């Protein structure tokens, strides 16, 4: 079955509208398109919850958008309200806006501070400063409601929110990328 996209401005856009002023003021002027997609994409063999995409070039002009936030409908339906908010916030964290000297904004995407395998953390501990900061924060996180076996924790993938820049004529190997969605 082919992927289908639907407008999610009322749901994802509403959540983003509450997050942007408080946590992402640099995105206040960003033109955002919020979409649900019928089938979760995959990266590294793991289903993705969502993607943040930077729209550029011809497609930026045609769509009149700077970013596309795309969330898997099946994954969205598995999440409680607070986890949905966390997912939208996670995708917004990937979107950056920096003001140029002339007052215009330069839009880009960024990677999370930490991407690591649980098995490496288990074997070597927090072996670099970024990972040490992440572990320090994680000690304060409430894990009630999660029943992770040791082997399940090792399989966790830190790359749940893939990102990419989409521009006309550019292909990342996925034919939908040429269409900017």
N, C-alpha and C. Protein backbone atom coordinates (compact mmCIF):
# COMPACT_ATOMS: atom_id res chain seq x y z
N UNK A 1 0.84 -1.18 0.00
CA UNK A 1 0.00 0.00 0.00
C UNK A 1 0.88 1.25 0.00
N UNK A 2 0.55 2.21 -0.81
CA UNK A 2 1.31 3.45 -0.91
C UNK A 2 1.08 4.32 0.33
N UNK A 3 2.11 5.09 0.67
CA UNK A 3 1.98 6.01 1.79
C UNK A 3 0.96 7.08 1.45
N UNK A 4 0.23 7.49 2.47
CA UNK A 4 -0.72 8.59 2.32
C UNK A 4 -0.43 9.62 3.40
N UNK A 5 -0.49 10.89 3.00
CA UNK A 5 -0.25 11.99 3.91
C UNK A 5 -1.54 12.75 4.13
N UNK A 6 -1.75 13.21 5.36
CA UNK A 6 -2.91 14.05 5.68
C UNK A 6 -2.43 15.25 6.49
N UNK A 7 -3.14 16.34 6.34
CA UNK A 7 -2.82 17.56 7.08
C UNK A 7 -3.04 17.31 8.57
N UNK A 8 -2.08 17.74 9.37
CA UNK A 8 -2.17 17.56 10.82
C UNK A 8 -2.04 18.89 11.55
N UNK A 9 -2.39 19.97 10.88
CA UNK A 9 -2.28 21.30 11.49
C UNK A 9 -3.09 21.42 12.76
N UNK A 10 -4.28 20.80 12.79
CA UNK A 10 -5.14 20.91 13.97
C UNK A 10 -4.57 20.19 15.17
N UNK A 11 -3.86 19.08 14.97
CA UNK A 11 -3.34 18.31 16.10
C UNK A 11 -1.87 18.63 16.36
N UNK A 12 -1.00 18.27 15.43
CA UNK A 12 0.42 18.54 15.62
C UNK A 12 0.68 20.04 15.67
N UNK A 13 0.04 20.78 14.78
CA UNK A 13 0.22 22.23 14.75
C UNK A 13 -0.23 22.90 16.04
N UNK A 14 -1.28 22.40 16.63
CA UNK A 14 -1.77 22.95 17.89
C UNK A 14 -0.76 22.72 19.01
N UNK A 15 -0.20 21.52 19.07
CA UNK A 15 0.81 21.22 20.09
C UNK A 15 2.05 22.08 19.85
N UNK A 16 2.50 22.15 18.60
CA UNK A 16 3.67 22.97 18.27
C UNK A 16 3.43 24.44 18.61
N UNK A 17 2.22 24.90 18.38
CA UNK A 17 1.88 26.29 18.68
C UNK A 17 2.05 26.63 20.15
N UNK A 18 1.86 25.65 21.02
CA UNK A 18 2.08 25.87 22.45
C UNK A 18 3.54 25.74 22.85
N UNK A 19 4.31 24.96 22.10
CA UNK A 19 5.72 24.73 22.43
C UNK A 19 6.64 25.82 21.89
N UNK A 20 6.35 26.31 20.70
CA UNK A 20 7.27 27.26 20.05
C UNK A 20 7.52 28.51 20.88
N UNK A 21 6.50 29.20 21.41
CA UNK A 21 6.79 30.42 22.18
C UNK A 21 7.62 30.14 23.45
N UNK A 22 7.41 28.99 24.06
CA UNK A 22 8.08 28.68 25.33
C UNK A 22 9.48 28.09 25.17
N UNK A 23 9.67 27.24 24.17
CA UNK A 23 10.93 26.51 24.05
C UNK A 23 11.67 26.73 22.74
N UNK A 24 10.99 27.24 21.74
CA UNK A 24 11.58 27.39 20.41
C UNK A 24 11.27 28.75 19.80
N UNK A 25 11.53 29.85 20.52
CA UNK A 25 11.16 31.17 19.98
C UNK A 25 11.85 31.50 18.66
N UNK A 26 12.98 30.86 18.38
CA UNK A 26 13.68 31.08 17.11
C UNK A 26 12.86 30.56 15.92
N UNK A 27 11.82 29.77 16.19
CA UNK A 27 10.97 29.23 15.12
C UNK A 27 9.67 30.02 14.96
N UNK A 28 9.53 31.13 15.67
CA UNK A 28 8.28 31.90 15.64
C UNK A 28 7.88 32.31 14.23
N UNK A 29 8.84 32.60 13.38
CA UNK A 29 8.54 33.03 12.01
C UNK A 29 8.73 31.93 10.98
N UNK A 30 9.05 30.73 11.43
CA UNK A 30 9.26 29.61 10.50
C UNK A 30 7.92 29.18 9.91
N UNK A 31 7.94 28.87 8.64
CA UNK A 31 6.75 28.36 7.97
C UNK A 31 6.80 26.84 8.09
N UNK A 32 5.84 26.29 8.84
CA UNK A 32 5.84 24.86 9.17
C UNK A 32 4.64 24.16 8.55
N UNK A 33 4.89 22.99 7.99
CA UNK A 33 3.83 22.13 7.49
C UNK A 33 3.81 20.89 8.38
N UNK A 34 2.64 20.57 8.92
CA UNK A 34 2.48 19.44 9.83
C UNK A 34 1.67 18.36 9.13
N UNK A 35 2.24 17.16 9.05
CA UNK A 35 1.59 16.07 8.33
C UNK A 35 1.59 14.78 9.14
N UNK A 36 0.54 14.00 8.95
CA UNK A 36 0.53 12.61 9.38
C UNK A 36 0.81 11.77 8.14
N UNK A 37 1.56 10.69 8.33
CA UNK A 37 1.84 9.76 7.23
C UNK A 37 1.33 8.38 7.67
N UNK A 38 0.72 7.68 6.72
CA UNK A 38 0.04 6.42 7.04
C UNK A 38 0.98 5.29 7.42
N UNK A 39 2.23 5.37 7.03
CA UNK A 39 3.16 4.28 7.26
C UNK A 39 4.44 4.85 7.86
N UNK A 40 4.89 4.27 8.96
CA UNK A 40 6.12 4.74 9.60
C UNK A 40 7.31 4.42 8.70
N UNK A 41 8.15 5.40 8.50
CA UNK A 41 9.38 5.14 7.77
C UNK A 41 10.32 4.32 8.65
N UNK A 42 11.40 3.87 8.06
CA UNK A 42 12.39 3.09 8.81
C UNK A 42 13.77 3.67 8.59
N UNK A 43 14.58 3.56 9.61
CA UNK A 43 15.98 3.94 9.52
C UNK A 43 16.75 2.95 10.37
N UNK A 44 17.73 2.31 9.78
CA UNK A 44 18.52 1.34 10.51
C UNK A 44 17.69 0.16 11.00
N UNK A 45 16.62 -0.15 10.28
CA UNK A 45 15.77 -1.27 10.67
C UNK A 45 14.75 -0.96 11.75
N UNK A 46 14.71 0.28 12.22
CA UNK A 46 13.78 0.69 13.27
C UNK A 46 12.72 1.62 12.69
N UNK A 47 11.47 1.41 13.10
CA UNK A 47 10.40 2.31 12.66
C UNK A 47 10.60 3.68 13.30
N UNK A 48 10.35 4.71 12.50
CA UNK A 48 10.48 6.08 12.98
C UNK A 48 9.15 6.60 13.49
N UNK A 49 9.21 7.37 14.54
CA UNK A 49 8.01 8.04 15.04
C UNK A 49 7.69 9.24 14.16
N UNK A 50 8.72 9.91 13.67
CA UNK A 50 8.50 11.09 12.86
C UNK A 50 9.79 11.59 12.24
N UNK A 51 9.66 12.61 11.43
CA UNK A 51 10.79 13.23 10.74
C UNK A 51 10.61 14.75 10.76
N UNK A 52 11.73 15.42 10.86
CA UNK A 52 11.78 16.86 10.61
C UNK A 52 12.52 17.03 9.30
N UNK A 53 11.95 17.78 8.39
CA UNK A 53 12.58 18.00 7.09
C UNK A 53 12.72 19.49 6.84
N UNK A 54 13.85 19.88 6.34
CA UNK A 54 14.09 21.26 5.92
C UNK A 54 13.77 21.33 4.44
N UNK A 55 12.90 22.24 4.08
CA UNK A 55 12.52 22.41 2.68
C UNK A 55 13.38 23.54 2.11
N UNK A 56 13.96 23.30 0.93
CA UNK A 56 14.83 24.33 0.36
C UNK A 56 14.65 24.40 -1.16
N UNK A 57 15.26 25.40 -1.72
CA UNK A 57 15.27 25.56 -3.17
C UNK A 57 13.90 25.77 -3.77
N UNK A 58 13.69 25.11 -4.89
CA UNK A 58 12.44 25.25 -5.63
C UNK A 58 11.23 24.84 -4.78
N UNK A 59 11.36 23.76 -4.03
CA UNK A 59 10.23 23.31 -3.22
C UNK A 59 9.90 24.29 -2.10
N UNK A 60 10.89 24.98 -1.58
CA UNK A 60 10.62 26.01 -0.57
C UNK A 60 9.77 27.11 -1.19
N UNK A 61 10.10 27.47 -2.42
CA UNK A 61 9.35 28.50 -3.13
C UNK A 61 7.94 28.02 -3.45
N UNK A 62 7.81 26.80 -3.95
CA UNK A 62 6.50 26.27 -4.34
C UNK A 62 5.60 26.04 -3.13
N UNK A 63 6.14 25.42 -2.09
CA UNK A 63 5.35 25.09 -0.91
C UNK A 63 5.20 26.26 0.05
N UNK A 64 6.08 27.26 -0.07
CA UNK A 64 6.09 28.40 0.84
C UNK A 64 6.24 27.91 2.28
N UNK A 65 7.16 26.95 2.48
CA UNK A 65 7.41 26.35 3.79
C UNK A 65 8.91 26.28 4.03
N UNK A 66 9.27 26.32 5.31
CA UNK A 66 10.67 26.16 5.71
C UNK A 66 10.94 24.76 6.24
N UNK A 67 9.96 24.18 6.94
CA UNK A 67 10.11 22.86 7.53
C UNK A 67 8.84 22.04 7.34
N UNK A 68 9.02 20.73 7.29
CA UNK A 68 7.90 19.80 7.33
C UNK A 68 8.12 18.88 8.52
N UNK A 69 7.13 18.81 9.41
CA UNK A 69 7.14 17.82 10.49
C UNK A 69 6.15 16.74 10.09
N UNK A 70 6.66 15.54 9.96
CA UNK A 70 5.87 14.40 9.49
C UNK A 70 5.87 13.34 10.58
N UNK A 71 4.68 12.93 11.03
CA UNK A 71 4.58 11.95 12.12
C UNK A 71 3.77 10.76 11.64
N UNK A 72 4.27 9.58 11.99
CA UNK A 72 3.60 8.32 11.65
C UNK A 72 2.27 8.21 12.40
N UNK A 73 1.19 8.06 11.66
CA UNK A 73 -0.13 7.91 12.30
C UNK A 73 -0.18 6.69 13.22
N UNK A 74 0.30 5.51 12.79
CA UNK A 74 0.25 4.36 13.71
C UNK A 74 1.05 4.59 14.99
N UNK A 75 2.21 5.21 14.89
CA UNK A 75 3.02 5.49 16.08
C UNK A 75 2.33 6.52 16.97
N UNK A 76 1.75 7.55 16.35
CA UNK A 76 1.04 8.60 17.08
C UNK A 76 -0.09 7.98 17.90
N UNK A 77 -0.81 7.06 17.31
CA UNK A 77 -1.95 6.44 17.98
C UNK A 77 -1.55 5.56 19.15
N UNK A 78 -0.29 5.13 19.20
CA UNK A 78 0.22 4.33 20.32
C UNK A 78 0.57 5.19 21.53
N UNK A 79 0.73 6.49 21.33
CA UNK A 79 1.26 7.36 22.37
C UNK A 79 0.18 8.01 23.22
N UNK A 80 0.49 8.21 24.50
CA UNK A 80 -0.35 9.00 25.40
C UNK A 80 -0.11 10.48 25.08
N UNK A 81 -0.95 11.35 25.62
CA UNK A 81 -0.88 12.78 25.32
C UNK A 81 0.48 13.39 25.63
N UNK A 82 1.07 13.08 26.78
CA UNK A 82 2.35 13.68 27.13
C UNK A 82 3.48 13.18 26.22
N UNK A 83 3.40 11.94 25.78
CA UNK A 83 4.39 11.41 24.85
C UNK A 83 4.23 12.04 23.47
N UNK A 84 3.00 12.36 23.08
CA UNK A 84 2.78 13.05 21.80
C UNK A 84 3.42 14.43 21.83
N UNK A 85 3.25 15.12 22.95
CA UNK A 85 3.86 16.44 23.11
C UNK A 85 5.38 16.32 23.06
N UNK A 86 5.93 15.30 23.71
CA UNK A 86 7.38 15.08 23.70
C UNK A 86 7.88 14.83 22.28
N UNK A 87 7.13 14.06 21.50
CA UNK A 87 7.53 13.77 20.12
C UNK A 87 7.56 15.05 19.28
N UNK A 88 6.52 15.86 19.39
CA UNK A 88 6.49 17.13 18.63
C UNK A 88 7.64 18.03 19.09
N UNK A 89 7.87 18.10 20.39
CA UNK A 89 8.96 18.91 20.93
C UNK A 89 10.31 18.40 20.41
N UNK A 90 10.47 17.09 20.37
CA UNK A 90 11.70 16.48 19.85
C UNK A 90 11.95 16.91 18.40
N UNK A 91 10.92 16.86 17.58
CA UNK A 91 11.08 17.24 16.18
C UNK A 91 11.35 18.73 16.03
N UNK A 92 10.72 19.55 16.87
CA UNK A 92 10.98 20.99 16.83
C UNK A 92 12.42 21.29 17.26
N UNK A 93 12.97 20.51 18.19
CA UNK A 93 14.36 20.71 18.63
C UNK A 93 15.33 20.54 17.48
N UNK A 94 14.97 19.76 16.49
CA UNK A 94 15.84 19.53 15.35
C UNK A 94 15.86 20.72 14.40
N UNK A 95 14.88 21.60 14.50
CA UNK A 95 14.74 22.75 13.59
C UNK A 95 15.40 23.97 14.20
N UNK A 96 16.27 24.60 13.44
CA UNK A 96 16.98 25.79 13.90
C UNK A 96 16.71 26.97 12.99
N UNK A 97 16.68 28.13 13.59
CA UNK A 97 16.60 29.38 12.85
C UNK A 97 17.58 30.37 13.42
N UNK A 98 18.49 30.85 12.57
CA UNK A 98 19.48 31.82 13.00
C UNK A 98 19.33 33.08 12.14
N UNK A 99 19.29 34.21 12.82
CA UNK A 99 19.11 35.48 12.11
C UNK A 99 20.41 35.91 11.44
N UNK A 100 20.30 36.25 10.15
CA UNK A 100 21.45 36.75 9.39
C UNK A 100 21.66 38.23 9.71
N UNK A 101 22.75 38.77 9.20
CA UNK A 101 23.07 40.19 9.41
C UNK A 101 21.99 41.11 8.87
N UNK A 102 21.31 40.68 7.80
CA UNK A 102 20.28 41.51 7.18
C UNK A 102 18.90 41.34 7.82
N UNK A 103 18.82 40.54 8.90
CA UNK A 103 17.55 40.34 9.59
C UNK A 103 16.74 39.16 9.10
N UNK A 104 17.15 38.54 8.00
CA UNK A 104 16.44 37.35 7.52
C UNK A 104 16.93 36.13 8.30
N UNK A 105 16.16 35.06 8.22
CA UNK A 105 16.53 33.85 8.95
C UNK A 105 17.12 32.81 8.04
N UNK A 106 18.12 32.13 8.54
CA UNK A 106 18.71 30.97 7.86
C UNK A 106 18.22 29.74 8.63
N UNK A 107 17.52 28.86 7.93
CA UNK A 107 16.93 27.68 8.55
C UNK A 107 17.82 26.47 8.33
N UNK A 108 17.90 25.61 9.33
CA UNK A 108 18.70 24.39 9.22
C UNK A 108 18.16 23.33 10.18
N UNK A 109 18.74 22.15 10.09
CA UNK A 109 18.41 21.04 10.98
C UNK A 109 19.64 20.69 11.80
N UNK A 110 19.41 20.13 12.95
CA UNK A 110 20.53 19.70 13.77
C UNK A 110 20.30 18.30 14.30
N UNK A 111 21.38 17.68 14.70
CA UNK A 111 21.34 16.34 15.30
C UNK A 111 21.19 16.48 16.80
N UNK A 112 20.68 15.45 17.46
CA UNK A 112 20.65 15.46 18.93
C UNK A 112 22.08 15.50 19.48
N UNK A 113 22.22 15.99 20.71
CA UNK A 113 23.54 16.07 21.33
C UNK A 113 24.19 14.71 21.48
N UNK A 114 23.38 13.69 21.71
CA UNK A 114 23.92 12.36 21.97
C UNK A 114 23.24 11.34 21.08
N UNK A 115 24.05 10.51 20.47
CA UNK A 115 23.56 9.33 19.77
C UNK A 115 24.52 8.22 20.14
N UNK A 116 24.03 7.27 20.87
CA UNK A 116 24.89 6.21 21.38
C UNK A 116 24.14 4.91 21.50
N UNK A 117 24.86 3.82 21.46
CA UNK A 117 24.28 2.50 21.68
C UNK A 117 24.29 2.20 23.17
N UNK A 118 23.21 1.61 23.66
CA UNK A 118 23.14 1.24 25.07
C UNK A 118 24.27 0.28 25.43
N UNK A 119 24.65 -0.59 24.50
CA UNK A 119 25.72 -1.55 24.78
C UNK A 119 27.06 -0.84 25.02
N UNK A 120 27.33 0.25 24.29
CA UNK A 120 28.58 0.99 24.50
C UNK A 120 28.53 1.71 25.84
N UNK A 121 27.40 2.30 26.17
CA UNK A 121 27.24 2.95 27.47
C UNK A 121 27.43 1.93 28.58
N UNK A 122 26.88 0.73 28.40
CA UNK A 122 27.02 -0.32 29.40
C UNK A 122 28.48 -0.74 29.56
N UNK A 123 29.22 -0.86 28.45
CA UNK A 123 30.61 -1.32 28.52
C UNK A 123 31.58 -0.25 29.01
N UNK A 124 31.38 1.00 28.59
CA UNK A 124 32.38 2.03 28.84
C UNK A 124 31.90 3.19 29.71
N UNK A 125 30.63 3.21 30.02
CA UNK A 125 30.11 4.34 30.78
C UNK A 125 30.01 5.58 29.93
N UNK A 126 29.88 6.71 30.59
CA UNK A 126 29.77 8.00 29.91
C UNK A 126 31.17 8.43 29.50
N UNK A 127 31.59 8.02 28.32
CA UNK A 127 32.97 8.17 27.89
C UNK A 127 33.29 9.52 27.25
N UNK A 128 32.28 10.40 27.07
CA UNK A 128 32.57 11.76 26.59
C UNK A 128 31.62 12.75 27.28
N UNK A 129 32.00 14.01 27.22
CA UNK A 129 31.30 15.06 27.97
C UNK A 129 29.81 15.14 27.61
N UNK A 130 29.47 15.08 26.31
CA UNK A 130 28.07 15.14 25.91
C UNK A 130 27.26 13.99 26.49
N UNK A 131 27.83 12.82 26.48
CA UNK A 131 27.16 11.64 27.03
C UNK A 131 27.04 11.75 28.54
N UNK A 132 28.07 12.28 29.20
CA UNK A 132 28.02 12.46 30.65
C UNK A 132 26.88 13.40 31.04
N UNK A 133 26.70 14.48 30.29
CA UNK A 133 25.59 15.40 30.56
C UNK A 133 24.25 14.73 30.37
N UNK A 134 24.14 13.93 29.32
CA UNK A 134 22.91 13.21 29.04
C UNK A 134 22.59 12.22 30.16
N UNK A 135 23.60 11.47 30.61
CA UNK A 135 23.40 10.50 31.69
C UNK A 135 23.00 11.22 32.97
N UNK A 136 23.61 12.36 33.22
CA UNK A 136 23.27 13.13 34.42
C UNK A 136 21.79 13.53 34.42
N UNK A 137 21.29 14.01 33.29
CA UNK A 137 19.88 14.36 33.17
C UNK A 137 19.01 13.12 33.29
N UNK A 138 19.46 12.02 32.68
CA UNK A 138 18.64 10.80 32.68
C UNK A 138 18.43 10.24 34.08
N UNK A 139 19.33 10.53 34.99
CA UNK A 139 19.17 10.04 36.38
C UNK A 139 17.97 10.68 37.06
N UNK A 140 17.53 11.82 36.57
CA UNK A 140 16.38 12.52 37.16
C UNK A 140 15.06 12.17 36.48
N UNK A 141 15.10 11.37 35.42
CA UNK A 141 13.92 11.05 34.64
C UNK A 141 13.15 9.91 35.30
N UNK A 142 11.84 10.08 35.37
CA UNK A 142 10.96 9.07 35.93
C UNK A 142 10.70 7.99 34.89
N UNK A 143 11.04 6.75 35.21
CA UNK A 143 10.84 5.64 34.30
C UNK A 143 9.67 4.75 34.71
N UNK A 144 8.83 5.25 35.62
CA UNK A 144 7.64 4.48 35.99
C UNK A 144 6.80 4.20 34.76
N UNK A 145 6.31 3.00 34.66
CA UNK A 145 5.48 2.62 33.52
C UNK A 145 6.27 1.92 32.43
N UNK A 146 7.60 1.96 32.52
CA UNK A 146 8.44 1.25 31.57
C UNK A 146 9.00 0.01 32.25
N UNK A 147 8.79 -1.13 31.63
CA UNK A 147 9.31 -2.38 32.15
C UNK A 147 10.32 -2.90 31.15
N UNK A 148 11.52 -2.32 31.17
CA UNK A 148 12.55 -2.69 30.21
C UNK A 148 13.43 -3.79 30.77
N UNK A 149 13.53 -4.86 30.03
CA UNK A 149 14.50 -5.89 30.34
C UNK A 149 15.86 -5.37 29.92
N UNK A 150 16.92 -5.91 30.47
CA UNK A 150 18.27 -5.45 30.13
C UNK A 150 18.54 -5.56 28.63
N UNK A 151 18.12 -6.64 27.99
CA UNK A 151 18.37 -6.81 26.57
C UNK A 151 17.52 -5.86 25.72
N UNK A 152 16.33 -5.47 26.22
CA UNK A 152 15.51 -4.50 25.48
C UNK A 152 16.16 -3.13 25.51
N UNK A 153 16.74 -2.76 26.64
CA UNK A 153 17.40 -1.46 26.74
C UNK A 153 18.56 -1.38 25.76
N UNK A 154 19.26 -2.48 25.55
CA UNK A 154 20.39 -2.49 24.62
C UNK A 154 19.94 -2.30 23.18
N UNK A 155 18.68 -2.62 22.90
CA UNK A 155 18.18 -2.49 21.53
C UNK A 155 17.60 -1.11 21.23
N UNK A 156 17.51 -0.24 22.23
CA UNK A 156 16.93 1.08 21.99
C UNK A 156 17.77 1.85 20.98
N UNK A 157 17.09 2.56 20.09
CA UNK A 157 17.77 3.32 19.06
C UNK A 157 17.57 4.80 19.35
N UNK A 158 18.65 5.55 19.47
CA UNK A 158 18.56 6.97 19.78
C UNK A 158 18.18 7.80 18.57
N UNK A 159 17.96 7.18 17.42
CA UNK A 159 17.71 7.93 16.19
C UNK A 159 16.26 7.77 15.75
N UNK A 160 15.30 8.05 16.65
CA UNK A 160 13.90 7.86 16.33
C UNK A 160 13.33 8.96 15.46
N UNK A 161 13.91 10.09 15.41
CA UNK A 161 13.38 11.22 14.63
C UNK A 161 14.35 11.59 13.55
N UNK A 162 14.30 10.91 12.44
CA UNK A 162 15.23 11.20 11.35
C UNK A 162 14.96 12.59 10.81
N UNK A 163 15.96 13.13 10.19
CA UNK A 163 15.81 14.46 9.60
C UNK A 163 16.47 14.49 8.25
N UNK A 164 16.05 15.42 7.45
CA UNK A 164 16.67 15.59 6.15
C UNK A 164 16.25 16.92 5.56
N UNK A 165 17.05 17.37 4.61
CA UNK A 165 16.71 18.56 3.84
C UNK A 165 16.14 18.10 2.51
N UNK A 166 15.04 18.72 2.10
CA UNK A 166 14.39 18.33 0.87
C UNK A 166 14.40 19.51 -0.08
N UNK A 167 14.93 19.28 -1.27
CA UNK A 167 14.90 20.31 -2.30
C UNK A 167 14.61 19.66 -3.63
N UNK A 168 14.17 20.45 -4.56
CA UNK A 168 13.79 19.92 -5.87
C UNK A 168 14.96 19.22 -6.53
N UNK A 169 14.68 18.06 -7.11
CA UNK A 169 15.68 17.32 -7.84
C UNK A 169 16.64 16.55 -6.97
N UNK A 170 16.49 16.65 -5.67
CA UNK A 170 17.37 15.96 -4.75
C UNK A 170 16.74 14.63 -4.39
N UNK A 171 17.55 13.61 -4.32
CA UNK A 171 17.01 12.30 -3.98
C UNK A 171 17.84 11.66 -2.90
N UNK A 172 17.18 11.18 -1.87
CA UNK A 172 17.84 10.44 -0.81
C UNK A 172 17.60 8.96 -0.97
N UNK A 173 17.27 8.51 -2.18
CA UNK A 173 17.02 7.11 -2.40
C UNK A 173 15.55 6.75 -2.28
N UNK A 174 14.75 7.63 -1.75
CA UNK A 174 13.34 7.40 -1.57
C UNK A 174 12.61 8.29 -2.57
N UNK A 175 11.80 7.72 -3.48
CA UNK A 175 11.17 8.55 -4.51
C UNK A 175 10.32 9.67 -3.95
N UNK A 176 9.77 9.51 -2.74
CA UNK A 176 8.95 10.57 -2.16
C UNK A 176 9.79 11.80 -1.85
N UNK A 177 11.11 11.61 -1.61
CA UNK A 177 11.96 12.74 -1.29
C UNK A 177 11.98 13.77 -2.41
N UNK A 178 11.88 13.34 -3.66
CA UNK A 178 11.88 14.28 -4.77
C UNK A 178 10.64 15.17 -4.76
N UNK A 179 9.60 14.73 -4.10
CA UNK A 179 8.37 15.51 -4.02
C UNK A 179 8.35 16.40 -2.79
N UNK A 180 9.34 16.26 -1.93
CA UNK A 180 9.40 17.10 -0.74
C UNK A 180 8.54 16.62 0.39
N UNK A 181 8.06 15.41 0.32
CA UNK A 181 7.26 14.88 1.43
C UNK A 181 7.76 13.52 1.80
